[in-house]
C-alpha atoms as a PDB file:
ATOM      1  CA  MET A   1     -23.506 -22.555 -17.704  1.00  0.00           C
ATOM      2  CA  TYR A   2     -20.393 -20.976 -16.155  1.00  0.00           C
ATOM      3  CA  GLU A   3     -19.584 -24.215 -14.299  1.00  0.00           C
ATOM      4  CA  GLY A   4     -15.871 -23.729 -14.992  1.00  0.00           C
ATOM      5  CA  LEU A   5     -16.007 -20.290 -13.421  1.00  0.00           C
ATOM      6  CA  LYS A   6     -17.854 -21.517 -10.363  1.00  0.00           C
ATOM      7  CA  GLU A   7     -15.179 -24.166  -9.756  1.00  0.00           C
ATOM      8  CA  ARG A   8     -12.377 -21.604  -9.986  1.00  0.00           C
ATOM      9  CA  ALA A   9     -14.150 -18.749  -8.223  1.00  0.00           C
ATOM     10  CA  THR A  10     -12.750 -17.301  -5.026  1.00  0.00           C
ATOM     11  CA  ASP A  11     -14.848 -15.263  -2.645  1.00  0.00           C
ATOM     12  CA  LEU A  12     -13.031 -11.970  -3.134  1.00  0.00           C
ATOM     13  CA  GLY A  13     -15.063 -10.462  -0.328  1.00  0.00           C
ATOM     14  CA  LYS A  14     -13.007 -12.599   2.040  1.00  0.00           C
ATOM     15  CA  THR A  15      -9.592 -11.678   0.638  1.00  0.00           C
ATOM     16  CA  ALA A  16      -7.515  -8.677   1.644  1.00  0.00           C
ATOM     17  CA  SER A  17      -7.498  -5.709  -0.686  1.00  0.00           C
ATOM     18  CA  SER A  18      -4.202  -4.542  -2.146  1.00  0.00           C
ATOM     19  CA  SER A  19      -4.248  -1.488   0.133  1.00  0.00           C
ATOM     20  CA  ASP A  20      -4.745  -3.811   3.151  1.00  0.00           C
ATOM     21  CA  VAL A  21      -1.762  -5.936   2.124  1.00  0.00           C
ATOM     22  CA  ILE A  22       0.418  -2.842   1.633  1.00  0.00           C
ATOM     23  CA  TYR A  23      -0.803  -1.282   4.887  1.00  0.00           C
ATOM     24  CA  ASN A  24       0.025  -4.443   6.853  1.00  0.00           C
ATOM     25  CA  ALA A  25       3.473  -4.746   5.260  1.00  0.00           C
ATOM     26  CA  LEU A  26       4.372  -1.103   5.932  1.00  0.00           C
ATOM     27  CA  ARG A  27       2.952  -1.214   9.472  1.00  0.00           C
ATOM     28  CA  ASP A  28       5.016  -4.314  10.227  1.00  0.00           C
ATOM     29  CA  GLU A  29       8.162  -2.638   8.850  1.00  0.00           C
ATOM     30  CA  ILE A  30       7.561   0.440  11.014  1.00  0.00           C
ATOM     31  CA  ILE A  31       6.709  -1.482  14.189  1.00  0.00           C
ATOM     32  CA  SER A  32       9.665  -3.853  13.780  1.00  0.00           C
ATOM     33  CA  GLY A  33      12.026  -0.896  13.432  1.00  0.00           C
ATOM     34  CA  HIS A  34      13.111  -1.737   9.904  1.00  0.00           C
ATOM     35  CA  MET A  35      11.724   1.657   8.890  1.00  0.00           C
ATOM     36  CA  LYS A  36      12.886   4.470  11.133  1.00  0.00           C
ATOM     37  CA  ALA A  37      11.437   7.882  11.903  1.00  0.00           C
ATOM     38  CA  GLY A  38      12.307  10.218   9.072  1.00  0.00           C
ATOM     39  CA  ASP A  39      12.653   7.479   6.462  1.00  0.00           C
ATOM     40  CA  SER A  40      11.028   8.343   3.165  1.00  0.00           C
ATOM     41  CA  ILE A  41       8.284   6.132   1.866  1.00  0.00           C
ATOM     42  CA  ARG A  42       8.260   6.535  -1.903  1.00  0.00           C
ATOM     43  CA  GLN A  43       4.829   5.815  -3.372  1.00  0.00           C
ATOM     44  CA  GLU A  44       6.277   4.947  -6.763  1.00  0.00           C
ATOM     45  CA  TYR A  45       8.699   2.409  -5.265  1.00  0.00           C
ATOM     46  CA  ILE A  46       6.074   0.736  -3.061  1.00  0.00           C
ATOM     47  CA  ALA A  47       3.663   0.566  -6.019  1.00  0.00           C
ATOM     48  CA  LYS A  48       6.367  -1.077  -8.137  1.00  0.00           C
ATOM     49  CA  VAL A  49       7.259  -3.601  -5.422  1.00  0.00           C
ATOM     50  CA  PHE A  50       3.614  -4.658  -5.068  1.00  0.00           C
ATOM     51  CA  ASN A  51       2.852  -4.308  -8.791  1.00  0.00           C
ATOM     52  CA  VAL A  52      -0.062  -1.927  -8.222  1.00  0.00           C
ATOM     53  CA  SER A  53      -0.926   1.671  -9.043  1.00  0.00           C
ATOM     54  CA  ARG A  54      -0.186   4.400  -6.502  1.00  0.00           C
ATOM     55  CA  ILE A  55      -3.836   4.520  -5.401  1.00  0.00           C
ATOM     56  CA  PRO A  56      -3.721   1.548  -2.974  1.00  0.00           C
ATOM     57  CA  VAL A  57      -0.351   2.803  -1.718  1.00  0.00           C
ATOM     58  CA  ARG A  58      -1.890   6.204  -0.998  1.00  0.00           C
ATOM     59  CA  GLU A  59      -4.802   4.517   0.804  1.00  0.00           C
ATOM     60  CA  ALA A  60      -2.383   2.503   2.947  1.00  0.00           C
ATOM     61  CA  LEU A  61      -0.340   5.614   3.785  1.00  0.00           C
ATOM     62  CA  LYS A  62      -3.479   7.499   4.811  1.00  0.00           C
ATOM     63  CA  ARG A  63      -4.393   4.658   7.188  1.00  0.00           C
ATOM     64  CA  LEU A  64      -0.890   4.683   8.658  1.00  0.00           C
ATOM     65  CA  GLU A  65      -1.090   8.437   9.135  1.00  0.00           C
ATOM     66  CA  SER A  66      -4.490   8.198  10.843  1.00  0.00           C
ATOM     67  CA  GLN A  67      -2.897   5.826  13.365  1.00  0.00           C
ATOM     68  CA  GLY A  68       0.091   8.082  13.937  1.00  0.00           C
ATOM     69  CA  LEU A  69       2.507   5.679  12.259  1.00  0.00           C
ATOM     70  CA  SER A  70       3.478   7.952   9.384  1.00  0.00           C
ATOM     71  CA  LEU A  71       3.313  11.517   8.255  1.00  0.00           C
ATOM     72  CA  ILE A  72       2.372  12.099   4.655  1.00  0.00           C
ATOM     73  CA  HIS A  73       4.358  14.770   2.917  1.00  0.00           C
ATOM     74  CA  ILE A  74       3.629  15.109  -0.755  1.00  0.00           C
ATOM     75  CA  SER A  75       6.099  17.130  -2.727  1.00  0.00           C
ATOM     76  CA  GLU A  76       5.957  18.057  -6.356  1.00  0.00           C
ATOM     77  CA  PRO A  77       8.672  16.506  -8.473  1.00  0.00           C
ATOM     78  CA  THR A  78      11.242  19.007  -9.556  1.00  0.00           C
ATOM     79  CA  ARG A  79      11.002  19.880 -13.207  1.00  0.00           C
ATOM     80  CA  PRO A  80      13.478  21.950 -15.155  1.00  0.00           C
ATOM     81  CA  TYR A  81      11.822  24.910 -16.847  1.00  0.00           C
END
């Protein structure tokens, strides 16, 4: 039973999470100088590029901030009233 699954199974415990992949990509962009101080990091854009929700992007940004590589500034979108 489930032999087909066992053959195709990957140990997901040994693969990077989506937030790890995004964190590494953003860190590399910052360290290499491709992203400069003051550049905006748009959660929506990063999520779209990596085809994920904004949650792993937010996790990656929090890790970058904890290491002094970014400063998170969350602003409310402007809405006409």
